[in-house]
PDB file of N, CA and C in Angstrom:
ATOM      1  N   UNK A   1       0.839  -1.174   0.000  1.00  0.00           N
ATOM      2  CA  UNK A   1       0.000   0.000   0.000  1.00  0.00           C
ATOM      3  C   UNK A   1       0.887   1.240   0.000  1.00  0.00           C
ATOM      4  N   UNK A   2       0.454   2.270  -0.706  1.00  0.00           N
ATOM      5  CA  UNK A   2       1.186   3.530  -0.777  1.00  0.00           C
ATOM      6  C   UNK A   2       0.307   4.679  -0.287  1.00  0.00           C
ATOM      7  N   UNK A   3       0.937   5.619   0.392  1.00  0.00           N
ATOM      8  CA  UNK A   3       0.319   6.881   0.748  1.00  0.00           C
ATOM      9  C   UNK A   3       0.923   7.938  -0.172  1.00  0.00           C
ATOM     10  N   UNK A   4       0.073   8.584  -0.952  1.00  0.00           N
ATOM     11  CA  UNK A   4       0.504   9.628  -1.870  1.00  0.00           C
ATOM     12  C   UNK A   4       0.080  10.967  -1.279  1.00  0.00           C
ATOM     13  N   UNK A   5       1.022  11.894  -1.186  1.00  0.00           N
ATOM     14  CA  UNK A   5       0.746  13.218  -0.637  1.00  0.00           C
ATOM     15  C   UNK A   5       0.998  14.274  -1.702  1.00  0.00           C
ATOM     16  N   UNK A   6       0.026  15.151  -1.882  1.00  0.00           N
ATOM     17  CA  UNK A   6       0.127  16.262  -2.821  1.00  0.00           C
ATOM     18  C   UNK A   6       0.154  17.546  -2.004  1.00  0.00           C
ATOM     19  N   UNK A   7       1.197  18.349  -2.181  1.00  0.00           N
ATOM     20  CA  UNK A   7       1.320  19.632  -1.499  1.00  0.00           C
ATOM     21  C   UNK A   7       0.937  20.719  -2.504  1.00  0.00           C
ATOM     22  N   UNK A   8      -0.255  21.274  -2.311  1.00  0.00           N
ATOM     23  CA  UNK A   8      -0.803  22.229  -3.270  1.00  0.00           C
ATOM     24  C   UNK A   8      -0.752  23.644  -2.711  1.00  0.00           C
ATOM     25  N   UNK A   9      -0.174  24.576  -3.458  1.00  0.00           N
ATOM     26  CA  UNK A   9      -0.028  25.955  -2.968  1.00  0.00           C
ATOM     27  C   UNK A   9      -1.355  26.705  -2.993  1.00  0.00           C
ATOM     28  N   UNK A  10      -1.531  27.588  -2.023  1.00  0.00           N
ATOM     29  CA  UNK A  10      -2.728  28.431  -1.977  1.00  0.00           C
ATOM     30  C   UNK A  10      -2.603  29.646  -2.897  1.00  0.00           C
ATOM     31  N   UNK A  11      -1.349  29.973  -3.298  1.00  0.00           N
ATOM     32  CA  UNK A  11      -1.088  31.163  -4.122  1.00  0.00           C
ATOM     33  C   UNK A  11      -0.218  30.776  -5.311  1.00  0.00           C
ATOM     34  N   UNK A  12      -0.406  31.478  -6.424  1.00  0.00           N
ATOM     35  CA  UNK A  12       0.453  31.209  -7.573  1.00  0.00           C
ATOM     36  C   UNK A  12       1.809  31.889  -7.372  1.00  0.00           C
ATOM     37  N   UNK A  13       2.687  31.781  -8.358  1.00  0.00           N
ATOM     38  CA  UNK A  13       4.044  32.316  -8.224  1.00  0.00           C
ATOM     39  C   UNK A  13       4.098  33.836  -8.140  1.00  0.00           C
ATOM     40  N   UNK A  14       3.006  34.522  -8.518  1.00  0.00           N
ATOM     41  CA  UNK A  14       2.971  35.980  -8.408  1.00  0.00           C
ATOM     42  C   UNK A  14       2.324  36.432  -7.107  1.00  0.00           C
ATOM     43  N   UNK A  15       1.903  35.473  -6.265  1.00  0.00           N
ATOM     44  CA  UNK A  15       1.281  35.805  -4.983  1.00  0.00           C
ATOM     45  C   UNK A  15      -0.225  35.944  -5.040  1.00  0.00           C
ATOM     46  N   UNK A  16      -0.830  35.641  -6.184  1.00  0.00           N
ATOM     47  CA  UNK A  16      -2.283  35.736  -6.317  1.00  0.00           C
ATOM     48  C   UNK A  16      -2.947  34.483  -5.752  1.00  0.00           C
ATOM     49  N   UNK A  17      -4.022  34.656  -4.960  1.00  0.00           N
ATOM     50  CA  UNK A  17      -4.712  33.481  -4.427  1.00  0.00           C
ATOM     51  C   UNK A  17      -5.313  32.643  -5.548  1.00  0.00           C
ATOM     52  N   UNK A  18      -5.203  31.334  -5.399  1.00  0.00           N
ATOM     53  CA  UNK A  18      -5.769  30.420  -6.384  1.00  0.00           C
ATOM     54  C   UNK A  18      -7.244  30.166  -6.037  1.00  0.00           C
ATOM     55  N   UNK A  19      -8.096  30.006  -7.054  1.00  0.00           N
ATOM     56  CA  UNK A  19      -9.529  29.852  -6.795  1.00  0.00           C
ATOM     57  C   UNK A  19      -9.855  28.526  -6.096  1.00  0.00           C
ATOM     58  N   UNK A  20     -10.852  28.574  -5.207  1.00  0.00           N
ATOM     59  CA  UNK A  20     -11.275  27.377  -4.473  1.00  0.00           C
ATOM     60  C   UNK A  20     -11.778  26.294  -5.411  1.00  0.00           C
ATOM     61  N   UNK A  21     -12.312  26.686  -6.556  1.00  0.00           N
ATOM     62  CA  UNK A  21     -12.804  25.704  -7.520  1.00  0.00           C
ATOM     63  C   UNK A  21     -11.679  24.817  -8.039  1.00  0.00           C
ATOM     64  N   UNK A  22     -10.464  25.356  -8.084  1.00  0.00           N
ATOM     65  CA  UNK A  22      -9.305  24.583  -8.526  1.00  0.00           C
ATOM     66  C   UNK A  22      -9.041  23.427  -7.558  1.00  0.00           C
ATOM     67  N   UNK A  23      -9.098  23.717  -6.266  1.00  0.00           N
ATOM     68  CA  UNK A  23      -8.886  22.681  -5.246  1.00  0.00           C
ATOM     69  C   UNK A  23     -10.026  21.667  -5.268  1.00  0.00           C
ATOM     70  N   UNK A  24     -11.248  22.142  -5.487  1.00  0.00           N
ATOM     71  CA  UNK A  24     -12.404  21.244  -5.543  1.00  0.00           C
ATOM     72  C   UNK A  24     -12.289  20.283  -6.716  1.00  0.00           C
ATOM     73  N   UNK A  25     -11.810  20.766  -7.855  1.00  0.00           N
ATOM     74  CA  UNK A  25     -11.690  19.870  -9.016  1.00  0.00           C
ATOM     75  C   UNK A  25     -10.623  18.809  -8.776  1.00  0.00           C
ATOM     76  N   UNK A  26      -9.501  19.182  -8.156  1.00  0.00           N
ATOM     77  CA  UNK A  26      -8.463  18.191  -7.837  1.00  0.00           C
ATOM     78  C   UNK A  26      -9.013  17.177  -6.837  1.00  0.00           C
ATOM     79  N   UNK A  27      -9.707  17.663  -5.826  1.00  0.00           N
ATOM     80  CA  UNK A  27     -10.317  16.771  -4.834  1.00  0.00           C
ATOM     81  C   UNK A  27     -11.242  15.764  -5.517  1.00  0.00           C
ATOM     82  N   UNK A  28     -12.111  16.257  -6.380  1.00  0.00           N
ATOM     83  CA  UNK A  28     -13.070  15.380  -7.061  1.00  0.00           C
ATOM     84  C   UNK A  28     -12.364  14.366  -7.955  1.00  0.00           C
ATOM     85  N   UNK A  29     -11.318  14.793  -8.666  1.00  0.00           N
ATOM     86  CA  UNK A  29     -10.567  13.880  -9.535  1.00  0.00           C
ATOM     87  C   UNK A  29      -9.938  12.751  -8.722  1.00  0.00           C
ATOM     88  N   UNK A  30      -9.346  13.102  -7.591  1.00  0.00           N
ATOM     89  CA  UNK A  30      -8.672  12.088  -6.766  1.00  0.00           C
ATOM     90  C   UNK A  30      -9.660  11.139  -6.113  1.00  0.00           C
ATOM     91  N   UNK A  31     -10.771  11.673  -5.642  1.00  0.00           N
ATOM     92  CA  UNK A  31     -11.795  10.805  -5.032  1.00  0.00           C
ATOM     93  C   UNK A  31     -12.338   9.837  -6.069  1.00  0.00           C
ATOM     94  N   UNK A  32     -12.586  10.328  -7.271  1.00  0.00           N
ATOM     95  CA  UNK A  32     -13.103   9.461  -8.329  1.00  0.00           C
ATOM     96  C   UNK A  32     -12.102   8.360  -8.685  1.00  0.00           C
ATOM     97  N   UNK A  33     -10.837   8.704  -8.771  1.00  0.00           N
ATOM     98  CA  UNK A  33      -9.822   7.725  -9.182  1.00  0.00           C
ATOM     99  C   UNK A  33      -9.444   6.761  -8.059  1.00  0.00           C
ATOM    100  N   UNK A  34      -9.342   7.254  -6.809  1.00  0.00           N
ATOM    101  CA  UNK A  34      -8.824   6.438  -5.706  1.00  0.00           C
ATOM    102  C   UNK A  34      -9.873   6.058  -4.670  1.00  0.00           C
ATOM    103  N   UNK A  35     -11.079   6.551  -4.811  1.00  0.00           N
ATOM    104  CA  UNK A  35     -12.162   6.137  -3.924  1.00  0.00           C
ATOM    105  C   UNK A  35     -12.190   6.856  -2.581  1.00  0.00           C
ATOM    106  N   UNK A  36     -11.320   7.811  -2.372  1.00  0.00           N
ATOM    107  CA  UNK A  36     -11.305   8.557  -1.120  1.00  0.00           C
ATOM    108  C   UNK A  36     -10.145   9.521  -1.088  1.00  0.00           C
ATOM    109  N   UNK A  37     -10.141  10.395  -0.081  1.00  0.00           N
ATOM    110  CA  UNK A  37      -9.118  11.419   0.026  1.00  0.00           C
ATOM    111  C   UNK A  37      -9.143  11.981   1.439  1.00  0.00           C
ATOM    112  N   UNK A  38      -7.981  12.320   1.957  1.00  0.00           N
ATOM    113  CA  UNK A  38      -7.871  13.080   3.198  1.00  0.00           C
ATOM    114  C   UNK A  38      -7.299  14.437   2.830  1.00  0.00           C
ATOM    115  N   UNK A  39      -7.977  15.503   3.277  1.00  0.00           N
ATOM    116  CA  UNK A  39      -7.523  16.860   2.995  1.00  0.00           C
ATOM    117  C   UNK A  39      -7.157  17.546   4.307  1.00  0.00           C
ATOM    118  N   UNK A  40      -5.942  18.036   4.376  1.00  0.00           N
ATOM    119  CA  UNK A  40      -5.493  18.847   5.508  1.00  0.00           C
ATOM    120  C   UNK A  40      -5.588  20.296   5.031  1.00  0.00           C
ATOM    121  N   UNK A  41      -6.770  20.886   5.218  1.00  0.00           N
ATOM    122  CA  UNK A  41      -7.029  22.176   4.588  1.00  0.00           C
ATOM    123  C   UNK A  41      -7.455  23.269   5.562  1.00  0.00           C
ATOM    124  N   UNK A  42      -7.768  22.938   6.787  1.00  0.00           N
ATOM    125  CA  UNK A  42      -8.265  23.963   7.724  1.00  0.00           C
ATOM    126  C   UNK A  42      -7.195  24.992   8.060  1.00  0.00           C
ATOM    127  N   UNK A  43      -6.027  24.529   8.408  1.00  0.00           N
ATOM    128  CA  UNK A  43      -4.905  25.431   8.689  1.00  0.00           C
ATOM    129  C   UNK A  43      -3.825  25.111   7.669  1.00  0.00           C
ATOM    130  N   UNK A  44      -3.457  26.068   6.849  1.00  0.00           N
ATOM    131  CA  UNK A  44      -2.482  25.730   5.810  1.00  0.00           C
ATOM    132  C   UNK A  44      -1.145  25.281   6.401  1.00  0.00           C
ATOM    133  N   UNK A  45      -0.511  24.402   5.674  1.00  0.00           N
ATOM    134  CA  UNK A  45       0.837  23.950   5.987  1.00  0.00           C
ATOM    135  C   UNK A  45       1.778  25.028   5.464  1.00  0.00           C
ATOM    136  N   UNK A  46       2.850  25.307   6.178  1.00  0.00           N
ATOM    137  CA  UNK A  46       3.824  26.289   5.719  1.00  0.00           C
ATOM    138  C   UNK A  46       5.063  25.582   5.202  1.00  0.00           C
ATOM    139  N   UNK A  47       5.414  25.855   3.954  1.00  0.00           N
ATOM    140  CA  UNK A  47       6.644  25.335   3.371  1.00  0.00           C
ATOM    141  C   UNK A  47       7.685  26.437   3.322  1.00  0.00           C
ATOM    142  N   UNK A  48       8.922  26.075   3.564  1.00  0.00           N
ATOM    143  CA  UNK A  48      10.003  27.057   3.565  1.00  0.00           C
ATOM    144  C   UNK A  48      11.232  26.405   2.945  1.00  0.00           C
ATOM    145  N   UNK A  49      11.859  27.081   1.984  1.00  0.00           N
ATOM    146  CA  UNK A  49      13.066  26.545   1.379  1.00  0.00           C
ATOM    147  C   UNK A  49      13.955  27.699   0.910  1.00  0.00           C
ATOM    148  N   UNK A  50      15.216  27.407   0.719  1.00  0.00           N
ATOM    149  CA  UNK A  50      16.183  28.413   0.266  1.00  0.00           C
ATOM    150  C   UNK A  50      16.346  28.308  -1.241  1.00  0.00           C
ATOM    151  N   UNK A  51      16.113  29.412  -1.919  1.00  0.00           N
ATOM    152  CA  UNK A  51      16.353  29.459  -3.360  1.00  0.00           C
ATOM    153  C   UNK A  51      17.790  29.838  -3.660  1.00  0.00           C
ATOM    154  N   UNK A  52      18.386  30.602  -2.764  1.00  0.00           N
ATOM    155  CA  UNK A  52      19.781  30.996  -2.912  1.00  0.00           C
ATOM    156  C   UNK A  52      20.336  31.254  -1.508  1.00  0.00           C
ATOM    157  N   UNK A  53      21.549  31.727  -1.433  1.00  0.00           N
ATOM    158  CA  UNK A  53      22.178  31.969  -0.131  1.00  0.00           C
ATOM    159  C   UNK A  53      21.641  33.209   0.571  1.00  0.00           C
ATOM    160  N   UNK A  54      20.865  34.017  -0.119  1.00  0.00           N
ATOM    161  CA  UNK A  54      20.430  35.300   0.409  1.00  0.00           C
ATOM    162  C   UNK A  54      19.108  35.241   1.176  1.00  0.00           C
ATOM    163  N   UNK A  55      18.131  34.466   0.666  1.00  0.00           N
ATOM    164  CA  UNK A  55      16.814  34.495   1.312  1.00  0.00           C
ATOM    165  C   UNK A  55      16.060  33.182   1.131  1.00  0.00           C
ATOM    166  N   UNK A  56      15.076  33.013   1.997  1.00  0.00           N
ATOM    167  CA  UNK A  56      14.217  31.836   1.942  1.00  0.00           C
ATOM    168  C   UNK A  56      12.878  32.213   1.309  1.00  0.00           C
ATOM    169  N   UNK A  57      12.224  31.235   0.725  1.00  0.00           N
ATOM    170  CA  UNK A  57      10.920  31.410   0.105  1.00  0.00           C
ATOM    171  C   UNK A  57       9.911  30.616   0.929  1.00  0.00           C
ATOM    172  N   UNK A  58       8.709  31.190   1.082  1.00  0.00           N
ATOM    173  CA  UNK A  58       7.674  30.547   1.895  1.00  0.00           C
ATOM    174  C   UNK A  58       6.443  30.293   1.034  1.00  0.00           C
ATOM    175  N   UNK A  59       5.793  29.157   1.275  1.00  0.00           N
ATOM    176  CA  UNK A  59       4.541  28.800   0.615  1.00  0.00           C
ATOM    177  C   UNK A  59       3.528  28.409   1.671  1.00  0.00           C
ATOM    178  N   UNK A  60       2.272  28.801   1.468  1.00  0.00           N
ATOM    179  CA  UNK A  60       1.158  28.271   2.244  1.00  0.00           C
ATOM    180  C   UNK A  60       0.529  27.178   1.392  1.00  0.00           C
ATOM    181  N   UNK A  61       0.360  26.003   1.979  1.00  0.00           N
ATOM    182  CA  UNK A  61      -0.029  24.817   1.219  1.00  0.00           C
ATOM    183  C   UNK A  61      -1.236  24.123   1.829  1.00  0.00           C
ATOM    184  N   UNK A  62      -1.943  23.385   0.991  1.00  0.00           N
ATOM    185  CA  UNK A  62      -2.953  22.436   1.403  1.00  0.00           C
ATOM    186  C   UNK A  62      -2.388  21.058   1.095  1.00  0.00           C
ATOM    187  N   UNK A  63      -2.601  20.111   1.987  1.00  0.00           N
ATOM    188  CA  UNK A  63      -2.085  18.762   1.807  1.00  0.00           C
ATOM    189  C   UNK A  63      -3.251  17.813   1.514  1.00  0.00           C
ATOM    190  N   UNK A  64      -3.201  17.155   0.358  1.00  0.00           N
ATOM    191  CA  UNK A  64      -4.164  16.110  -0.006  1.00  0.00           C
ATOM    192  C   UNK A  64      -3.438  14.779   0.049  1.00  0.00           C
ATOM    193  N   UNK A  65      -4.122  13.757   0.575  1.00  0.00           N
ATOM    194  CA  UNK A  65      -3.550  12.411   0.655  1.00  0.00           C
ATOM    195  C   UNK A  65      -4.523  11.391   0.082  1.00  0.00           C
ATOM    196  N   UNK A  66      -3.982  10.429  -0.646  1.00  0.00           N
ATOM    197  CA  UNK A  66      -4.743   9.277  -1.111  1.00  0.00           C
ATOM    198  C   UNK A  66      -3.924   8.020  -0.834  1.00  0.00           C
ATOM    199  N   UNK A  67      -4.616   6.898  -0.727  1.00  0.00           N
ATOM    200  CA  UNK A  67      -3.947   5.605  -0.579  1.00  0.00           C
ATOM    201  C   UNK A  67      -4.265   4.752  -1.792  1.00  0.00           C
ATOM    202  N   UNK A  68      -3.266   3.972  -2.208  1.00  0.00           N
ATOM    203  CA  UNK A  68      -3.444   3.112  -3.368  1.00  0.00           C
ATOM    204  C   UNK A  68      -2.561   1.868  -3.219  1.00  0.00           C
ATOM    205  N   UNK A  69      -3.041   0.766  -3.758  1.00  0.00           N
ATOM    206  CA  UNK A  69      -2.274  -0.478  -3.699  1.00  0.00           C
ATOM    207  C   UNK A  69      -1.107  -0.449  -4.682  1.00  0.00           C
ATOM    208  N   UNK A  70      -1.283   0.226  -5.804  1.00  0.00           N
ATOM    209  CA  UNK A  70      -0.252   0.274  -6.846  1.00  0.00           C
ATOM    210  C   UNK A  70       0.214   1.707  -7.052  1.00  0.00           C
ATOM    211  N   UNK A  71       1.484   1.849  -7.368  1.00  0.00           N
ATOM    212  CA  UNK A  71       2.059   3.166  -7.636  1.00  0.00           C
ATOM    213  C   UNK A  71       2.312   3.280  -9.136  1.00  0.00           C
ATOM    214  N   UNK A  72       1.419   3.971  -9.825  1.00  0.00           N
ATOM    215  CA  UNK A  72       1.534   4.167 -11.265  1.00  0.00           C
ATOM    216  C   UNK A  72       2.332   5.445 -11.517  1.00  0.00           C
ATOM    217  N   UNK A  73       3.636   5.285 -11.604  1.00  0.00           N
ATOM    218  CA  UNK A  73       4.528   6.447 -11.718  1.00  0.00           C
ATOM    219  C   UNK A  73       4.245   7.279 -12.958  1.00  0.00           C
ATOM    220  N   UNK A  74       3.942   6.663 -14.090  1.00  0.00           N
ATOM    221  CA  UNK A  74       3.657   7.410 -15.316  1.00  0.00           C
ATOM    222  C   UNK A  74       2.423   8.298 -15.138  1.00  0.00           C
ATOM    223  N   UNK A  75       1.360   7.730 -14.538  1.00  0.00           N
ATOM    224  CA  UNK A  75       0.151   8.513 -14.324  1.00  0.00           C
ATOM    225  C   UNK A  75       0.437   9.689 -13.399  1.00  0.00           C
ATOM    226  N   UNK A  76       1.167   9.447 -12.313  1.00  0.00           N
ATOM    227  CA  UNK A  76       1.461  10.520 -11.368  1.00  0.00           C
ATOM    228  C   UNK A  76       2.335  11.601 -11.999  1.00  0.00           C
ATOM    229  N   UNK A  77       3.267  11.230 -12.846  1.00  0.00           N
ATOM    230  CA  UNK A  77       4.104  12.227 -13.516  1.00  0.00           C
ATOM    231  C   UNK A  77       3.260  13.119 -14.427  1.00  0.00           C
ATOM    232  N   UNK A  78       2.345  12.511 -15.170  1.00  0.00           N
ATOM    233  CA  UNK A  78       1.464  13.288 -16.046  1.00  0.00           C
ATOM    234  C   UNK A  78       0.520  14.169 -15.219  1.00  0.00           C
ATOM    235  N   UNK A  79       0.028  13.635 -14.107  1.00  0.00           N
ATOM    236  CA  UNK A  79      -0.877  14.403 -13.258  1.00  0.00           C
ATOM    237  C   UNK A  79      -0.144  15.593 -12.628  1.00  0.00           C
ATOM    238  N   UNK A  80       1.100  15.383 -12.190  1.00  0.00           N
ATOM    239  CA  UNK A  80       1.896  16.469 -11.617  1.00  0.00           C
ATOM    240  C   UNK A  80       2.107  17.576 -12.645  1.00  0.00           C
ATOM    241  N   UNK A  81       2.409  17.206 -13.878  1.00  0.00           N
ATOM    242  CA  UNK A  81       2.578  18.190 -14.948  1.00  0.00           C
ATOM    243  C   UNK A  81       1.294  18.988 -15.152  1.00  0.00           C
ATOM    244  N   UNK A  82       0.165  18.308 -15.115  1.00  0.00           N
ATOM    245  CA  UNK A  82      -1.132  18.975 -15.240  1.00  0.00           C
ATOM    246  C   UNK A  82      -1.373  19.942 -14.080  1.00  0.00           C
ATOM    247  N   UNK A  83      -1.042  19.521 -12.864  1.00  0.00           N
ATOM    248  CA  UNK A  83      -1.221  20.380 -11.693  1.00  0.00           C
ATOM    249  C   UNK A  83      -0.316  21.613 -11.760  1.00  0.00           C
ATOM    250  N   UNK A  84       0.906  21.427 -12.229  1.00  0.00           N
ATOM    251  CA  UNK A  84       1.832  22.561 -12.345  1.00  0.00           C
ATOM    252  C   UNK A  84       1.272  23.620 -13.284  1.00  0.00           C
ATOM    253  N   UNK A  85       0.631  23.200 -14.361  1.00  0.00           N
ATOM    254  CA  UNK A  85       0.024  24.157 -15.288  1.00  0.00           C
ATOM    255  C   UNK A  85      -1.195  24.823 -14.651  1.00  0.00           C
ATOM    256  N   UNK A  86      -2.054  24.039 -14.040  1.00  0.00           N
ATOM    257  CA  UNK A  86      -3.287  24.591 -13.465  1.00  0.00           C
ATOM    258  C   UNK A  86      -3.021  25.510 -12.276  1.00  0.00           C
ATOM    259  N   UNK A  87      -2.018  25.165 -11.469  1.00  0.00           N
ATOM    260  CA  UNK A  87      -1.695  25.963 -10.289  1.00  0.00           C
ATOM    261  C   UNK A  87      -0.641  27.036 -10.585  1.00  0.00           C
ATOM    262  N   UNK A  88      -0.207  27.106 -11.848  1.00  0.00           N
ATOM    263  CA  UNK A  88       0.782  28.104 -12.276  1.00  0.00           C
ATOM    264  C   UNK A  88       2.034  28.045 -11.397  1.00  0.00           C
ATOM    265  N   UNK A  89       2.619  26.845 -11.327  1.00  0.00           N
ATOM    266  CA  UNK A  89       3.790  26.599 -10.494  1.00  0.00           C
ATOM    267  C   UNK A  89       4.919  26.019 -11.336  1.00  0.00           C
ATOM    268  N   UNK A  90       6.143  26.319 -10.921  1.00  0.00           N
ATOM    269  CA  UNK A  90       7.305  25.678 -11.549  1.00  0.00           C
ATOM    270  C   UNK A  90       7.338  24.206 -11.179  1.00  0.00           C
ATOM    271  N   UNK A  91       6.943  23.896  -9.937  1.00  0.00           N
ATOM    272  CA  UNK A  91       6.950  22.509  -9.476  1.00  0.00           C
ATOM    273  C   UNK A  91       5.890  22.317  -8.400  1.00  0.00           C
ATOM    274  N   UNK A  92       5.141  21.234  -8.504  1.00  0.00           N
ATOM    275  CA  UNK A  92       4.214  20.805  -7.467  1.00  0.00           C
ATOM    276  C   UNK A  92       4.806  19.543  -6.854  1.00  0.00           C
ATOM    277  N   UNK A  93       4.887  19.517  -5.541  1.00  0.00           N
ATOM    278  CA  UNK A  93       5.465  18.370  -4.852  1.00  0.00           C
ATOM    279  C   UNK A  93       4.404  17.279  -4.658  1.00  0.00           C
ATOM    280  N   UNK A  94       4.715  16.102  -5.171  1.00  0.00           N
ATOM    281  CA  UNK A  94       3.927  14.897  -4.916  1.00  0.00           C
ATOM    282  C   UNK A  94       4.914  13.861  -4.424  1.00  0.00           C
ATOM    283  N   UNK A  95       4.604  13.260  -3.283  1.00  0.00           N
ATOM    284  CA  UNK A  95       5.516  12.261  -2.734  1.00  0.00           C
ATOM    285  C   UNK A  95       4.731  11.009  -2.353  1.00  0.00           C
ATOM    286  N   UNK A  96       5.438   9.883  -2.380  1.00  0.00           N
ATOM    287  CA  UNK A  96       4.816   8.597  -2.083  1.00  0.00           C
ATOM    288  C   UNK A  96       5.661   7.865  -1.048  1.00  0.00           C
ATOM    289  N   UNK A  97       4.970   7.171  -0.176  1.00  0.00           N
ATOM    290  CA  UNK A  97       5.684   6.323   0.780  1.00  0.00           C
ATOM    291  C   UNK A  97       4.906   5.027   0.979  1.00  0.00           C
ATOM    292  N   UNK A  98       5.665   3.978   1.151  1.00  0.00           N
ATOM    293  CA  UNK A  98       5.051   2.677   1.449  1.00  0.00           C
ATOM    294  C   UNK A  98       4.481   2.732   2.863  1.00  0.00           C
ATOM    295  N   UNK A  99       3.277   2.187   3.011  1.00  0.00           N
ATOM    296  CA  UNK A  99       2.662   2.122   4.337  1.00  0.00           C
ATOM    297  C   UNK A  99       2.104   0.726   4.551  1.00  0.00           C
ATOM    298  N   UNK A 100       1.869   0.417   5.792  1.00  0.00           N
ATOM    299  CA  UNK A 100       1.215  -0.836   6.158  1.00  0.00           C
ATOM    300  C   UNK A 100      -0.101  -0.467   6.821  1.00  0.00           C
ATOM    301  N   UNK A 101      -1.177  -0.938   6.226  1.00  0.00           N
ATOM    302  CA  UNK A 101      -2.494  -0.658   6.791  1.00  0.00           C
ATOM    303  C   UNK A 101      -2.751  -1.638   7.925  1.00  0.00           C
ATOM    304  N   UNK A 102      -3.044  -1.125   9.103  1.00  0.00           N
ATOM    305  CA  UNK A 102      -3.251  -1.966  10.293  1.00  0.00           C
ATOM    306  C   UNK A 102      -4.708  -2.275  10.506  1.00  0.00           C
TER     307      UNK A 102
END
């Protein structure tokens, strides 16, 4: 079993808020494909990273999670590319980890 986590930004690269309908469409797509979804959306997650030696960049994020028995890397790569275009991002982080369902 795999846990897939999508870190989706609340703002585009110019600092403009992204529409709620965008998040709803991603939610609906994932629920339809994987049969369920966990959304950590009440309090945004804060991402912080260094782009250069001078300053750090901050993102406010929503975390979506799905579980799946199989990891279809090709599908996820295409989906990430689609999300990057829709969310107007250079990169959208999607990560997977093996889990054991108890």
